[in-house]
Protein backbone atom coordinates (compact mmCIF):
# COMPACT_ATOMS: atom_id res chain seq x y z
CA MET A 1 -21.22 3.81 7.83
CA ASN A 2 -19.89 6.99 9.19
CA GLY A 3 -22.39 9.20 7.29
CA SER A 4 -19.90 11.60 5.73
CA ALA A 5 -17.88 10.86 2.65
CA THR A 6 -14.13 10.51 2.97
CA ARG A 7 -11.43 10.30 0.33
CA PHE A 8 -9.40 7.09 0.69
CA ALA A 9 -6.36 5.44 -0.87
CA ILE A 10 -6.76 1.75 -1.58
CA LEU A 11 -3.41 0.03 -1.99
CA LEU A 12 -3.56 -3.48 -3.48
CA ARG A 13 -1.01 -6.12 -2.55
CA GLY A 14 0.75 -8.16 -5.24
CA VAL A 15 -1.04 -7.18 -8.45
CA ASN A 16 0.66 -7.03 -11.85
CA VAL A 17 3.54 -9.13 -10.42
CA GLY A 18 3.88 -12.84 -9.89
CA GLY A 19 1.21 -13.82 -12.40
CA VAL A 20 -1.63 -11.75 -10.96
CA THR A 21 -2.77 -9.29 -13.60
CA VAL A 22 -5.41 -6.65 -12.91
CA LYS A 23 -5.96 -3.99 -15.54
CA MET A 24 -6.54 -0.62 -14.00
CA ALA A 25 -9.67 -0.04 -16.11
CA ASP A 26 -11.05 -3.32 -14.75
CA LEU A 27 -10.13 -2.33 -11.19
CA ARG A 28 -11.83 1.03 -11.62
CA ALA A 29 -15.03 -0.72 -12.95
CA VAL A 30 -15.09 -3.08 -9.96
CA LEU A 31 -14.66 -0.22 -7.48
CA GLN A 32 -17.37 1.79 -9.18
CA SER A 33 -19.69 -1.22 -9.09
CA LEU A 34 -19.38 -1.13 -5.29
CA GLY A 35 -20.88 2.36 -5.26
CA LEU A 36 -17.59 4.11 -4.58
CA LEU A 37 -17.41 7.59 -5.99
CA GLU A 38 -14.66 9.65 -7.74
CA VAL A 39 -12.73 6.45 -8.45
CA GLN A 40 -9.22 7.03 -9.85
CA THR A 41 -6.62 4.37 -10.53
CA LEU A 42 -3.01 5.36 -10.43
CA LEU A 43 -0.10 3.70 -12.21
CA ALA A 44 -0.27 -0.04 -12.89
CA SER A 45 0.78 -1.18 -9.46
CA GLY A 46 -2.65 -1.42 -7.85
CA ASN A 47 -3.40 1.99 -6.44
CA ALA A 48 -6.82 3.60 -6.33
CA VAL A 49 -8.28 6.71 -4.77
CA VAL A 50 -11.99 6.68 -3.98
CA THR A 51 -14.66 8.57 -2.05
CA SER A 52 -16.80 6.49 0.31
CA VAL A 53 -19.09 6.76 3.31
CA LEU A 54 -17.92 3.33 4.55
CA GLU A 55 -15.61 3.03 7.53
CA PRO A 56 -12.09 1.99 6.54
CA ALA A 57 -12.38 -1.60 7.91
CA VAL A 58 -15.71 -2.18 6.07
CA LEU A 59 -14.27 -0.64 2.91
CA LYS A 60 -11.24 -2.93 3.14
CA ASP A 61 -13.39 -6.04 3.55
CA THR A 62 -15.76 -5.00 0.76
CA VAL A 63 -12.97 -4.30 -1.71
CA GLU A 64 -11.06 -7.53 -0.87
CA HIS A 65 -14.20 -9.61 -1.38
CA ALA A 66 -15.00 -7.93 -4.70
CA LEU A 67 -11.44 -8.39 -5.98
CA ARG A 68 -11.38 -12.05 -4.96
CA THR A 69 -14.67 -12.65 -6.70
CA GLU A 70 -13.91 -10.65 -9.86
CA PHE A 71 -10.25 -11.52 -10.42
CA GLY A 72 -9.91 -14.89 -8.68
CA TYR A 73 -6.91 -14.28 -6.54
CA GLU A 74 -6.28 -13.89 -2.79
CA ALA A 75 -6.69 -10.12 -2.62
CA TRP A 76 -5.44 -8.02 0.23
CA VAL A 77 -5.63 -4.23 0.42
CA ILE A 78 -4.61 -1.43 2.75
CA VAL A 79 -7.14 1.41 3.08
CA LEU A 80 -6.07 4.80 4.43
CA PRO A 81 -7.65 8.23 4.45
CA MET A 82 -6.01 10.42 1.88
CA ALA A 83 -5.09 13.02 4.51
CA ARG A 84 -3.06 10.35 6.26
CA VAL A 85 -1.41 9.22 3.02
CA ALA A 86 -0.28 12.81 2.36
CA GLU A 87 0.99 13.15 5.94
CA LEU A 88 2.95 9.92 5.70
CA ALA A 89 4.46 10.84 2.31
CA GLU A 90 5.77 14.11 3.79
CA THR A 91 7.09 12.38 6.94
CA VAL A 92 9.44 10.02 5.14
CA PRO A 93 12.98 11.17 6.05
CA TYR A 94 14.60 9.81 2.84
CA ALA A 95 14.99 11.40 -0.56
CA ALA A 96 12.68 10.14 -3.35
CA ASP A 97 15.34 10.89 -5.98
CA ASP A 98 18.58 9.64 -4.46
CA PRO A 99 20.66 8.18 -7.41
CA ALA A 100 22.07 5.38 -5.20
CA VAL A 101 19.15 4.45 -2.97
CA HIS A 102 15.45 3.62 -3.33
CA ALA A 103 13.12 4.83 -0.55
CA TYR A 104 10.11 2.70 0.28
CA VAL A 105 7.11 2.77 2.62
CA THR A 106 5.65 -0.47 3.91
CA PHE A 107 2.04 -0.25 5.10
CA SER A 108 0.32 -2.67 7.37
CA SER A 109 -3.18 -3.24 8.69
CA ASP A 110 -1.56 -4.77 11.82
CA PRO A 111 0.81 -2.64 13.88
CA ALA A 112 2.33 -5.77 15.49
CA ILE A 113 3.39 -6.93 12.03
CA LEU A 114 5.31 -3.66 11.54
CA ASP A 115 6.97 -4.22 14.91
CA GLU A 116 8.17 -7.64 13.70
CA LEU A 117 9.36 -6.14 10.42
CA LEU A 118 11.28 -3.45 12.22
CA ASP A 119 13.05 -6.20 14.21
CA VAL A 120 13.81 -8.06 10.94
CA GLY A 121 15.16 -4.91 9.35
CA ALA A 122 17.31 -4.04 12.37
CA ALA A 123 18.77 -7.55 12.42
CA GLY A 124 19.61 -7.18 8.74
CA GLY A 125 21.17 -3.74 9.13
CA GLN A 126 18.34 -2.07 7.27
CA GLU A 127 18.05 1.73 7.22
CA GLN A 128 14.43 2.22 8.44
CA VAL A 129 12.12 4.36 10.52
CA ARG A 130 8.60 3.85 11.93
CA LEU A 131 6.27 6.56 10.58
CA GLY A 132 3.19 5.59 12.62
CA PRO A 133 1.11 2.58 13.58
CA GLU A 134 0.41 1.79 9.97
CA ALA A 135 3.67 2.52 8.16
CA MET A 136 7.44 2.33 8.15
CA ALA A 137 9.97 3.80 5.74
CA TRP A 138 13.12 2.08 4.65
CA THR A 139 15.82 2.20 2.04
CA ALA A 140 17.65 -0.23 -0.22
CA ARG A 141 20.63 0.39 -2.51
CA LYS A 142 19.54 0.51 -6.14
CA GLY A 143 19.77 -2.91 -7.69
CA LEU A 144 19.64 -4.65 -4.30
CA THR A 145 16.02 -4.10 -3.24
CA LEU A 146 15.05 -7.76 -3.63
CA ASP A 147 18.08 -8.82 -1.57
CA SER A 148 17.20 -6.46 1.33
CA ALA A 149 16.02 -7.95 4.65
CA LEU A 150 12.65 -6.19 4.45
CA SER A 151 11.92 -7.13 0.84
CA LYS A 152 12.64 -10.77 1.63
CA ALA A 153 10.52 -10.67 4.76
CA THR A 154 7.44 -9.01 3.25
CA GLY A 155 7.40 -11.64 0.53
CA LYS A 156 6.76 -14.35 3.11
CA LEU A 157 3.26 -15.73 3.51
CA ARG A 158 3.10 -14.50 7.13
CA TYR A 159 3.23 -10.85 5.98
CA LYS A 160 1.40 -10.94 2.61
CA SER A 161 -2.09 -10.58 4.01
CA ALA A 162 -1.24 -7.53 6.15
CA THR A 163 1.37 -5.52 4.22
CA THR A 164 2.06 -3.74 0.98
CA THR A 165 5.04 -1.60 -0.06
CA ARG A 166 5.26 1.46 -2.24
CA ASN A 167 8.27 3.34 -3.59
CA LEU A 168 8.33 6.89 -2.16
CA ARG A 169 7.91 8.40 -5.64
CA THR A 170 4.72 6.33 -6.15
CA LEU A 171 3.45 7.22 -2.68
CA ARG A 172 3.86 10.91 -3.47
CA LYS A 173 1.91 10.53 -6.71
CA ILE A 174 -0.88 8.80 -4.76
CA ALA A 175 -0.86 11.60 -2.16
CA GLY A 176 -1.06 14.17 -4.92
CA ALA A 177 -4.24 12.55 -6.33
CA GLY A 178 -6.21 13.34 -3.18
């Protein structure tokens, strides 16, 4: 424990897609049962904002274990201080409302994984930029996201346990909940 409470974003990987259904009310109840405070869930894509005295790595392990136990799936989460989420949301150099292009941010608990993904994106001609050790921003033409090099790569087993992606509009909503 670090002794002082910090506001964190918890970003779940792969919920409410691919047969894994987690109702946000149920997610909120599980997080509250862990002793987390000021628990908010946002949208239906597996986003929560909580207050905790736990260090980020301990919070990550605690939440993943609870989700695996409660919902019976291989749960992975990214945990970031809300101040960092807000900073990253403002750093993205792409427009959130471009009528032709979606802007995304991929988060990782392993900076080396983001290095690999940047190489994959570059080889695929992906528009992308590294935002920091834990995040990269990229774009995909509307209607072609699932065909993009980065979308295909992050769906592979190698990357599932260490990454999750959010649309820039979603990321800004999360940042605004801090």
